[in-house]
């Protein structure tokens, strides 16, 4: 597969210095930029999929008329958190 180039960009010297300051051992600025782009793409795809699932769920709830109240959801989350805290105290 042939490779392609990402357009070069101009940045403030402080941004370049900050990027260089966090490079890992043996890591080049090009590697850092490539990895940053990959992670941004993954994050945006995940966000897009999350929103699509949420919209589909909303539409399904509208069609069925079945909703779960926010109080019920928060109550379940609080119970899960309490259980997790309790189990971490007994195992830690």
PDB file of N, CA and C in Angstrom:
ATOM      1  N   UNK A   1       0.838  -1.174   0.000  1.00  0.00           N
ATOM      2  CA  UNK A   1       0.000   0.000   0.000  1.00  0.00           C
ATOM      3  C   UNK A   1       0.883   1.237   0.000  1.00  0.00           C
ATOM      4  N   UNK A   2       0.539   2.161  -0.839  1.00  0.00           N
ATOM      5  CA  UNK A   2       1.263   3.418  -0.909  1.00  0.00           C
ATOM      6  C   UNK A   2       0.909   4.292   0.285  1.00  0.00           C
ATOM      7  N   UNK A   3       1.873   5.046   0.749  1.00  0.00           N
ATOM      8  CA  UNK A   3       1.594   5.953   1.853  1.00  0.00           C
ATOM      9  C   UNK A   3       1.172   7.315   1.309  1.00  0.00           C
ATOM     10  N   UNK A   4       0.555   8.103   2.163  1.00  0.00           N
ATOM     11  CA  UNK A   4       0.132   9.457   1.807  1.00  0.00           C
ATOM     12  C   UNK A   4       0.667  10.407   2.861  1.00  0.00           C
ATOM     13  N   UNK A   5       0.679  11.672   2.534  1.00  0.00           N
ATOM     14  CA  UNK A   5       1.167  12.689   3.473  1.00  0.00           C
ATOM     15  C   UNK A   5       0.007  13.438   4.093  1.00  0.00           C
ATOM     16  N   UNK A   6       0.194  13.834   5.322  1.00  0.00           N
ATOM     17  CA  UNK A   6      -0.718  14.744   6.006  1.00  0.00           C
ATOM     18  C   UNK A   6      -0.162  16.146   5.764  1.00  0.00           C
ATOM     19  N   UNK A   7      -1.025  17.105   5.462  1.00  0.00           N
ATOM     20  CA  UNK A   7      -0.503  18.460   5.227  1.00  0.00           C
ATOM     21  C   UNK A   7       0.275  18.984   6.436  1.00  0.00           C
ATOM     22  N   UNK A   8       1.358  19.668   6.165  1.00  0.00           N
ATOM     23  CA  UNK A   8       2.125  20.261   7.263  1.00  0.00           C
ATOM     24  C   UNK A   8       1.319  21.429   7.817  1.00  0.00           C
ATOM     25  N   UNK A   9       1.554  21.733   9.085  1.00  0.00           N
ATOM     26  CA  UNK A   9       0.836  22.848   9.679  1.00  0.00           C
ATOM     27  C   UNK A   9       1.791  23.704  10.482  1.00  0.00           C
ATOM     28  N   UNK A  10       1.446  24.958  10.541  1.00  0.00           N
ATOM     29  CA  UNK A  10       2.254  25.894  11.292  1.00  0.00           C
ATOM     30  C   UNK A  10       1.636  26.040  12.676  1.00  0.00           C
ATOM     31  N   UNK A  11       2.479  25.981  13.681  1.00  0.00           N
ATOM     32  CA  UNK A  11       2.014  26.113  15.062  1.00  0.00           C
ATOM     33  C   UNK A  11       2.902  27.103  15.798  1.00  0.00           C
ATOM     34  N   UNK A  12       2.416  27.576  16.901  1.00  0.00           N
ATOM     35  CA  UNK A  12       3.216  28.471  17.740  1.00  0.00           C
ATOM     36  C   UNK A  12       4.412  27.694  18.282  1.00  0.00           C
ATOM     37  N   UNK A  13       5.541  28.349  18.417  1.00  0.00           N
ATOM     38  CA  UNK A  13       6.721  27.662  18.957  1.00  0.00           C
ATOM     39  C   UNK A  13       6.449  26.984  20.300  1.00  0.00           C
ATOM     40  N   UNK A  14       5.614  27.590  21.119  1.00  0.00           N
ATOM     41  CA  UNK A  14       5.320  27.006  22.433  1.00  0.00           C
ATOM     42  C   UNK A  14       4.608  25.663  22.292  1.00  0.00           C
ATOM     43  N   UNK A  15       3.735  25.533  21.304  1.00  0.00           N
ATOM     44  CA  UNK A  15       3.041  24.269  21.096  1.00  0.00           C
ATOM     45  C   UNK A  15       4.016  23.189  20.638  1.00  0.00           C
ATOM     46  N   UNK A  16       4.903  23.549  19.741  1.00  0.00           N
ATOM     47  CA  UNK A  16       5.902  22.574  19.287  1.00  0.00           C
ATOM     48  C   UNK A  16       6.791  22.145  20.451  1.00  0.00           C
ATOM     49  N   UNK A  17       7.221  23.105  21.272  1.00  0.00           N
ATOM     50  CA  UNK A  17       8.058  22.778  22.423  1.00  0.00           C
ATOM     51  C   UNK A  17       7.317  21.876  23.400  1.00  0.00           C
ATOM     52  N   UNK A  18       6.038  22.132  23.608  1.00  0.00           N
ATOM     53  CA  UNK A  18       5.247  21.304  24.517  1.00  0.00           C
ATOM     54  C   UNK A  18       5.137  19.879  23.979  1.00  0.00           C
ATOM     55  N   UNK A  19       4.928  19.747  22.673  1.00  0.00           N
ATOM     56  CA  UNK A  19       4.844  18.424  22.055  1.00  0.00           C
ATOM     57  C   UNK A  19       6.180  17.696  22.182  1.00  0.00           C
ATOM     58  N   UNK A  20       7.256  18.376  21.904  1.00  0.00           N
ATOM     59  CA  UNK A  20       8.581  17.751  21.998  1.00  0.00           C
ATOM     60  C   UNK A  20       8.902  17.352  23.431  1.00  0.00           C
ATOM     61  N   UNK A  21       8.382  18.113  24.392  1.00  0.00           N
ATOM     62  CA  UNK A  21       8.676  17.837  25.801  1.00  0.00           C
ATOM     63  C   UNK A  21       8.029  16.549  26.292  1.00  0.00           C
ATOM     64  N   UNK A  22       6.986  16.095  25.614  1.00  0.00           N
ATOM     65  CA  UNK A  22       6.300  14.889  26.076  1.00  0.00           C
ATOM     66  C   UNK A  22       6.592  13.660  25.229  1.00  0.00           C
ATOM     67  N   UNK A  23       7.506  13.776  24.298  1.00  0.00           N
ATOM     68  CA  UNK A  23       7.851  12.635  23.453  1.00  0.00           C
ATOM     69  C   UNK A  23       8.453  11.522  24.289  1.00  0.00           C
ATOM     70  N   UNK A  24       8.093  10.291  23.942  1.00  0.00           N
ATOM     71  CA  UNK A  24       8.683   9.139  24.604  1.00  0.00           C
ATOM     72  C   UNK A  24      10.080   8.892  24.067  1.00  0.00           C
ATOM     73  N   UNK A  25      10.810   8.013  24.743  1.00  0.00           N
ATOM     74  CA  UNK A  25      12.170   7.693  24.317  1.00  0.00           C
ATOM     75  C   UNK A  25      12.122   7.077  22.918  1.00  0.00           C
ATOM     76  N   UNK A  26      12.900   7.636  22.010  1.00  0.00           N
ATOM     77  CA  UNK A  26      12.964   7.145  20.647  1.00  0.00           C
ATOM     78  C   UNK A  26      11.782   7.561  19.779  1.00  0.00           C
ATOM     79  N   UNK A  27      10.856   8.331  20.334  1.00  0.00           N
ATOM     80  CA  UNK A  27       9.687   8.760  19.578  1.00  0.00           C
ATOM     81  C   UNK A  27       9.986  10.067  18.845  1.00  0.00           C
ATOM     82  N   UNK A  28       9.591  10.128  17.602  1.00  0.00           N
ATOM     83  CA  UNK A  28       9.786  11.359  16.833  1.00  0.00           C
ATOM     84  C   UNK A  28       8.520  12.196  16.886  1.00  0.00           C
ATOM     85  N   UNK A  29       8.652  13.440  16.527  1.00  0.00           N
ATOM     86  CA  UNK A  29       7.498  14.328  16.468  1.00  0.00           C
ATOM     87  C   UNK A  29       6.496  13.794  15.440  1.00  0.00           C
ATOM     88  N   UNK A  30       6.997  13.249  14.347  1.00  0.00           N
ATOM     89  CA  UNK A  30       6.108  12.665  13.334  1.00  0.00           C
ATOM     90  C   UNK A  30       5.312  11.498  13.909  1.00  0.00           C
ATOM     91  N   UNK A  31       5.976  10.623  14.692  1.00  0.00           N
ATOM     92  CA  UNK A  31       5.273   9.509  15.338  1.00  0.00           C
ATOM     93  C   UNK A  31       4.182  10.022  16.273  1.00  0.00           C
ATOM     94  N   UNK A  32       4.535  11.056  17.024  1.00  0.00           N
ATOM     95  CA  UNK A  32       3.597  11.641  17.976  1.00  0.00           C
ATOM     96  C   UNK A  32       2.371  12.197  17.257  1.00  0.00           C
ATOM     97  N   UNK A  33       2.600  12.927  16.175  1.00  0.00           N
ATOM     98  CA  UNK A  33       1.499  13.517  15.410  1.00  0.00           C
ATOM     99  C   UNK A  33       0.633  12.415  14.809  1.00  0.00           C
ATOM    100  N   UNK A  34       1.252  11.391  14.239  1.00  0.00           N
ATOM    101  CA  UNK A  34       0.494  10.295  13.648  1.00  0.00           C
ATOM    102  C   UNK A  34      -0.374   9.602  14.695  1.00  0.00           C
ATOM    103  N   UNK A  35       0.199   9.314  15.853  1.00  0.00           N
ATOM    104  CA  UNK A  35      -0.555   8.665  16.919  1.00  0.00           C
ATOM    105  C   UNK A  35      -1.690   9.562  17.400  1.00  0.00           C
ATOM    106  N   UNK A  36      -1.440  10.843  17.496  1.00  0.00           N
ATOM    107  CA  UNK A  36      -2.482  11.786  17.909  1.00  0.00           C
ATOM    108  C   UNK A  36      -3.644  11.795  16.923  1.00  0.00           C
ATOM    109  N   UNK A  37      -3.329  11.750  15.650  1.00  0.00           N
ATOM    110  CA  UNK A  37      -4.369  11.721  14.624  1.00  0.00           C
ATOM    111  C   UNK A  37      -5.173  10.430  14.735  1.00  0.00           C
ATOM    112  N   UNK A  38      -4.475   9.301  14.893  1.00  0.00           N
ATOM    113  CA  UNK A  38      -5.164   8.011  15.025  1.00  0.00           C
ATOM    114  C   UNK A  38      -6.120   8.027  16.221  1.00  0.00           C
ATOM    115  N   UNK A  39      -5.642   8.522  17.366  1.00  0.00           N
ATOM    116  CA  UNK A  39      -6.472   8.552  18.570  1.00  0.00           C
ATOM    117  C   UNK A  39      -7.662   9.496  18.404  1.00  0.00           C
ATOM    118  N   UNK A  40      -7.457  10.612  17.729  1.00  0.00           N
ATOM    119  CA  UNK A  40      -8.560  11.542  17.484  1.00  0.00           C
ATOM    120  C   UNK A  40      -9.611  10.922  16.577  1.00  0.00           C
ATOM    121  N   UNK A  41      -9.169  10.196  15.568  1.00  0.00           N
ATOM    122  CA  UNK A  41     -10.106   9.516  14.670  1.00  0.00           C
ATOM    123  C   UNK A  41     -10.911   8.483  15.451  1.00  0.00           C
ATOM    124  N   UNK A  42     -10.241   7.672  16.264  1.00  0.00           N
ATOM    125  CA  UNK A  42     -10.932   6.653  17.066  1.00  0.00           C
ATOM    126  C   UNK A  42     -11.952   7.300  17.998  1.00  0.00           C
ATOM    127  N   UNK A  43     -11.557   8.375  18.656  1.00  0.00           N
ATOM    128  CA  UNK A  43     -12.446   9.066  19.595  1.00  0.00           C
ATOM    129  C   UNK A  43     -13.662   9.630  18.865  1.00  0.00           C
ATOM    130  N   UNK A  44     -13.445  10.241  17.707  1.00  0.00           N
ATOM    131  CA  UNK A  44     -14.567  10.811  16.960  1.00  0.00           C
ATOM    132  C   UNK A  44     -15.502   9.736  16.427  1.00  0.00           C
ATOM    133  N   UNK A  45     -14.946   8.615  15.985  1.00  0.00           N
ATOM    134  CA  UNK A  45     -15.792   7.513  15.538  1.00  0.00           C
ATOM    135  C   UNK A  45     -16.616   6.966  16.699  1.00  0.00           C
ATOM    136  N   UNK A  46     -15.997   6.824  17.860  1.00  0.00           N
ATOM    137  CA  UNK A  46     -16.711   6.336  19.037  1.00  0.00           C
ATOM    138  C   UNK A  46     -17.819   7.313  19.430  1.00  0.00           C
ATOM    139  N   UNK A  47     -17.536   8.610  19.367  1.00  0.00           N
ATOM    140  CA  UNK A  47     -18.553   9.613  19.680  1.00  0.00           C
ATOM    141  C   UNK A  47     -19.710   9.520  18.691  1.00  0.00           C
ATOM    142  N   UNK A  48     -19.396   9.380  17.419  1.00  0.00           N
ATOM    143  CA  UNK A  48     -20.416   9.283  16.381  1.00  0.00           C
ATOM    144  C   UNK A  48     -21.304   8.054  16.611  1.00  0.00           C
ATOM    145  N   UNK A  49     -20.668   6.914  16.934  1.00  0.00           N
ATOM    146  CA  UNK A  49     -21.427   5.692  17.186  1.00  0.00           C
ATOM    147  C   UNK A  49     -22.287   5.821  18.440  1.00  0.00           C
ATOM    148  N   UNK A  50     -21.742   6.463  19.479  1.00  0.00           N
ATOM    149  CA  UNK A  50     -22.485   6.681  20.722  1.00  0.00           C
ATOM    150  C   UNK A  50     -23.732   7.516  20.454  1.00  0.00           C
ATOM    151  N   UNK A  51     -23.575   8.577  19.691  1.00  0.00           N
ATOM    152  CA  UNK A  51     -24.712   9.438  19.370  1.00  0.00           C
ATOM    153  C   UNK A  51     -25.740   8.676  18.533  1.00  0.00           C
ATOM    154  N   UNK A  52     -25.275   7.898  17.578  1.00  0.00           N
ATOM    155  CA  UNK A  52     -26.190   7.120  16.739  1.00  0.00           C
ATOM    156  C   UNK A  52     -26.986   6.127  17.594  1.00  0.00           C
ATOM    157  N   UNK A  53     -26.311   5.457  18.543  1.00  0.00           N
ATOM    158  CA  UNK A  53     -27.018   4.523  19.430  1.00  0.00           C
ATOM    159  C   UNK A  53     -28.037   5.260  20.287  1.00  0.00           C
ATOM    160  N   UNK A  54     -27.658   6.427  20.777  1.00  0.00           N
ATOM    161  CA  UNK A  54     -28.572   7.215  21.600  1.00  0.00           C
ATOM    162  C   UNK A  54     -29.797   7.658  20.823  1.00  0.00           C
ATOM    163  N   UNK A  55     -29.586   8.116  19.591  1.00  0.00           N
ATOM    164  CA  UNK A  55     -30.712   8.542  18.760  1.00  0.00           C
ATOM    165  C   UNK A  55     -31.613   7.361  18.409  1.00  0.00           C
ATOM    166  N   UNK A  56     -31.013   6.215  18.127  1.00  0.00           N
ATOM    167  CA  UNK A  56     -31.799   5.014  17.822  1.00  0.00           C
ATOM    168  C   UNK A  56     -32.616   4.596  19.047  1.00  0.00           C
ATOM    169  N   UNK A  57     -32.013   4.682  20.222  1.00  0.00           N
ATOM    170  CA  UNK A  57     -32.709   4.334  21.460  1.00  0.00           C
ATOM    171  C   UNK A  57     -33.867   5.299  21.704  1.00  0.00           C
ATOM    172  N   UNK A  58     -33.616   6.567  21.459  1.00  0.00           N
ATOM    173  CA  UNK A  58     -34.674   7.573  21.603  1.00  0.00           C
ATOM    174  C   UNK A  58     -35.840   7.258  20.679  1.00  0.00           C
ATOM    175  N   UNK A  59     -35.533   6.958  19.427  1.00  0.00           N
ATOM    176  CA  UNK A  59     -36.573   6.661  18.443  1.00  0.00           C
ATOM    177  C   UNK A  59     -37.364   5.408  18.834  1.00  0.00           C
ATOM    178  N   UNK A  60     -36.646   4.396  19.339  1.00  0.00           N
ATOM    179  CA  UNK A  60     -37.303   3.163  19.767  1.00  0.00           C
ATOM    180  C   UNK A  60     -38.240   3.444  20.943  1.00  0.00           C
ATOM    181  N   UNK A  61     -37.771   4.277  21.881  1.00  0.00           N
ATOM    182  CA  UNK A  61     -38.613   4.624  23.032  1.00  0.00           C
ATOM    183  C   UNK A  61     -39.846   5.399  22.578  1.00  0.00           C
ATOM    184  N   UNK A  62     -39.683   6.296  21.624  1.00  0.00           N
ATOM    185  CA  UNK A  62     -40.830   7.057  21.109  1.00  0.00           C
ATOM    186  C   UNK A  62     -41.849   6.125  20.472  1.00  0.00           C
ATOM    187  N   UNK A  63     -41.350   5.147  19.705  1.00  0.00           N
ATOM    188  CA  UNK A  63     -42.247   4.201  19.024  1.00  0.00           C
ATOM    189  C   UNK A  63     -42.980   3.312  20.020  1.00  0.00           C
ATOM    190  N   UNK A  64     -42.252   2.815  21.001  1.00  0.00           N
ATOM    191  CA  UNK A  64     -42.844   1.873  21.946  1.00  0.00           C
ATOM    192  C   UNK A  64     -43.596   2.564  23.072  1.00  0.00           C
ATOM    193  N   UNK A  65     -43.230   3.816  23.345  1.00  0.00           N
ATOM    194  CA  UNK A  65     -43.830   4.527  24.465  1.00  0.00           C
ATOM    195  C   UNK A  65     -43.260   4.099  25.805  1.00  0.00           C
ATOM    196  N   UNK A  66     -42.214   3.270  25.779  1.00  0.00           N
ATOM    197  CA  UNK A  66     -41.592   2.784  27.015  1.00  0.00           C
ATOM    198  C   UNK A  66     -40.364   3.620  27.332  1.00  0.00           C
ATOM    199  N   UNK A  67     -40.406   4.291  28.458  1.00  0.00           N
ATOM    200  CA  UNK A  67     -39.306   5.143  28.896  1.00  0.00           C
ATOM    201  C   UNK A  67     -38.881   4.733  30.300  1.00  0.00           C
ATOM    202  N   UNK A  68     -37.667   5.052  30.660  1.00  0.00           N
ATOM    203  CA  UNK A  68     -37.182   4.853  32.016  1.00  0.00           C
ATOM    204  C   UNK A  68     -36.912   6.241  32.575  1.00  0.00           C
ATOM    205  N   UNK A  69     -37.436   6.513  33.749  1.00  0.00           N
ATOM    206  CA  UNK A  69     -37.269   7.847  34.331  1.00  0.00           C
ATOM    207  C   UNK A  69     -35.812   8.082  34.727  1.00  0.00           C
ATOM    208  N   UNK A  70     -35.439   9.333  34.739  1.00  0.00           N
ATOM    209  CA  UNK A  70     -34.065   9.672  35.137  1.00  0.00           C
ATOM    210  C   UNK A  70     -33.835   9.291  36.594  1.00  0.00           C
ATOM    211  N   UNK A  71     -34.874   9.405  37.439  1.00  0.00           N
ATOM    212  CA  UNK A  71     -34.731   9.019  38.847  1.00  0.00           C
ATOM    213  C   UNK A  71     -34.405   7.535  38.972  1.00  0.00           C
ATOM    214  N   UNK A  72     -35.041   6.706  38.134  1.00  0.00           N
ATOM    215  CA  UNK A  72     -34.771   5.265  38.176  1.00  0.00           C
ATOM    216  C   UNK A  72     -33.339   4.976  37.738  1.00  0.00           C
ATOM    217  N   UNK A  73     -32.886   5.658  36.702  1.00  0.00           N
ATOM    218  CA  UNK A  73     -31.521   5.449  36.201  1.00  0.00           C
ATOM    219  C   UNK A  73     -30.504   5.888  37.246  1.00  0.00           C
ATOM    220  N   UNK A  74     -30.699   7.071  37.805  1.00  0.00           N
ATOM    221  CA  UNK A  74     -29.770   7.573  38.824  1.00  0.00           C
ATOM    222  C   UNK A  74     -29.778   6.651  40.037  1.00  0.00           C
ATOM    223  N   UNK A  75     -30.951   6.165  40.407  1.00  0.00           N
ATOM    224  CA  UNK A  75     -31.040   5.243  41.544  1.00  0.00           C
ATOM    225  C   UNK A  75     -30.243   3.973  41.311  1.00  0.00           C
ATOM    226  N   UNK A  76     -30.354   3.419  40.111  1.00  0.00           N
ATOM    227  CA  UNK A  76     -29.584   2.210  39.780  1.00  0.00           C
ATOM    228  C   UNK A  76     -28.080   2.491  39.777  1.00  0.00           C
ATOM    229  N   UNK A  77     -27.705   3.646  39.239  1.00  0.00           N
ATOM    230  CA  UNK A  77     -26.275   3.992  39.213  1.00  0.00           C
ATOM    231  C   UNK A  77     -25.736   4.190  40.633  1.00  0.00           C
ATOM    232  N   UNK A  78     -26.520   4.824  41.490  1.00  0.00           N
ATOM    233  CA  UNK A  78     -26.084   5.020  42.881  1.00  0.00           C
ATOM    234  C   UNK A  78     -25.925   3.676  43.595  1.00  0.00           C
ATOM    235  N   UNK A  79     -26.844   2.746  43.320  1.00  0.00           N
ATOM    236  CA  UNK A  79     -26.758   1.413  43.921  1.00  0.00           C
ATOM    237  C   UNK A  79     -25.500   0.693  43.430  1.00  0.00           C
ATOM    238  N   UNK A  80     -25.224   0.793  42.127  1.00  0.00           N
ATOM    239  CA  UNK A  80     -24.022   0.162  41.570  1.00  0.00           C
ATOM    240  C   UNK A  80     -22.761   0.754  42.191  1.00  0.00           C
ATOM    241  N   UNK A  81     -22.752   2.077  42.357  1.00  0.00           N
ATOM    242  CA  UNK A  81     -21.597   2.742  42.956  1.00  0.00           C
ATOM    243  C   UNK A  81     -21.400   2.296  44.397  1.00  0.00           C
ATOM    244  N   UNK A  82     -22.486   2.227  45.148  1.00  0.00           N
ATOM    245  CA  UNK A  82     -22.391   1.782  46.541  1.00  0.00           C
ATOM    246  C   UNK A  82     -21.855   0.360  46.627  1.00  0.00           C
ATOM    247  N   UNK A  83     -22.332  -0.518  45.735  1.00  0.00           N
ATOM    248  CA  UNK A  83     -21.849  -1.897  45.720  1.00  0.00           C
ATOM    249  C   UNK A  83     -20.369  -1.965  45.360  1.00  0.00           C
ATOM    250  N   UNK A  84     -19.959  -1.157  44.388  1.00  0.00           N
ATOM    251  CA  UNK A  84     -18.547  -1.144  43.989  1.00  0.00           C
ATOM    252  C   UNK A  84     -17.671  -0.641  45.125  1.00  0.00           C
ATOM    253  N   UNK A  85     -18.130   0.395  45.823  1.00  0.00           N
ATOM    254  CA  UNK A  85     -17.361   0.926  46.957  1.00  0.00           C
ATOM    255  C   UNK A  85     -17.265  -0.117  48.059  1.00  0.00           C
ATOM    256  N   UNK A  86     -18.361  -0.818  48.333  1.00  0.00           N
ATOM    257  CA  UNK A  86     -18.374  -1.833  49.376  1.00  0.00           C
ATOM    258  C   UNK A  86     -17.444  -2.989  49.028  1.00  0.00           C
ATOM    259  N   UNK A  87     -17.467  -3.405  47.771  1.00  0.00           N
ATOM    260  CA  UNK A  87     -16.604  -4.528  47.394  1.00  0.00           C
ATOM    261  C   UNK A  87     -15.129  -4.123  47.355  1.00  0.00           C
ATOM    262  N   UNK A  88     -14.835  -2.856  47.056  1.00  0.00           N
ATOM    263  CA  UNK A  88     -13.435  -2.431  47.067  1.00  0.00           C
ATOM    264  C   UNK A  88     -12.901  -2.329  48.487  1.00  0.00           C
ATOM    265  N   UNK A  89     -13.770  -2.035  49.444  1.00  0.00           N
ATOM    266  CA  UNK A  89     -13.336  -1.984  50.854  1.00  0.00           C
ATOM    267  C   UNK A  89     -13.045  -3.377  51.375  1.00  0.00           C
ATOM    268  N   UNK A  90     -13.827  -4.360  50.928  1.00  0.00           N
ATOM    269  CA  UNK A  90     -13.609  -5.718  51.433  1.00  0.00           C
ATOM    270  C   UNK A  90     -12.460  -6.417  50.735  1.00  0.00           C
ATOM    271  N   UNK A  91     -12.158  -6.018  49.488  1.00  0.00           N
ATOM    272  CA  UNK A  91     -11.064  -6.670  48.774  1.00  0.00           C
ATOM    273  C   UNK A  91      -9.754  -5.908  48.906  1.00  0.00           C
ATOM    274  N   UNK A  92      -9.789  -4.698  49.360  1.00  0.00           N
ATOM    275  CA  UNK A  92      -8.564  -3.897  49.409  1.00  0.00           C
ATOM    276  C   UNK A  92      -8.070  -3.737  50.750  1.00  0.00           C
TER     277      UNK A  92
END
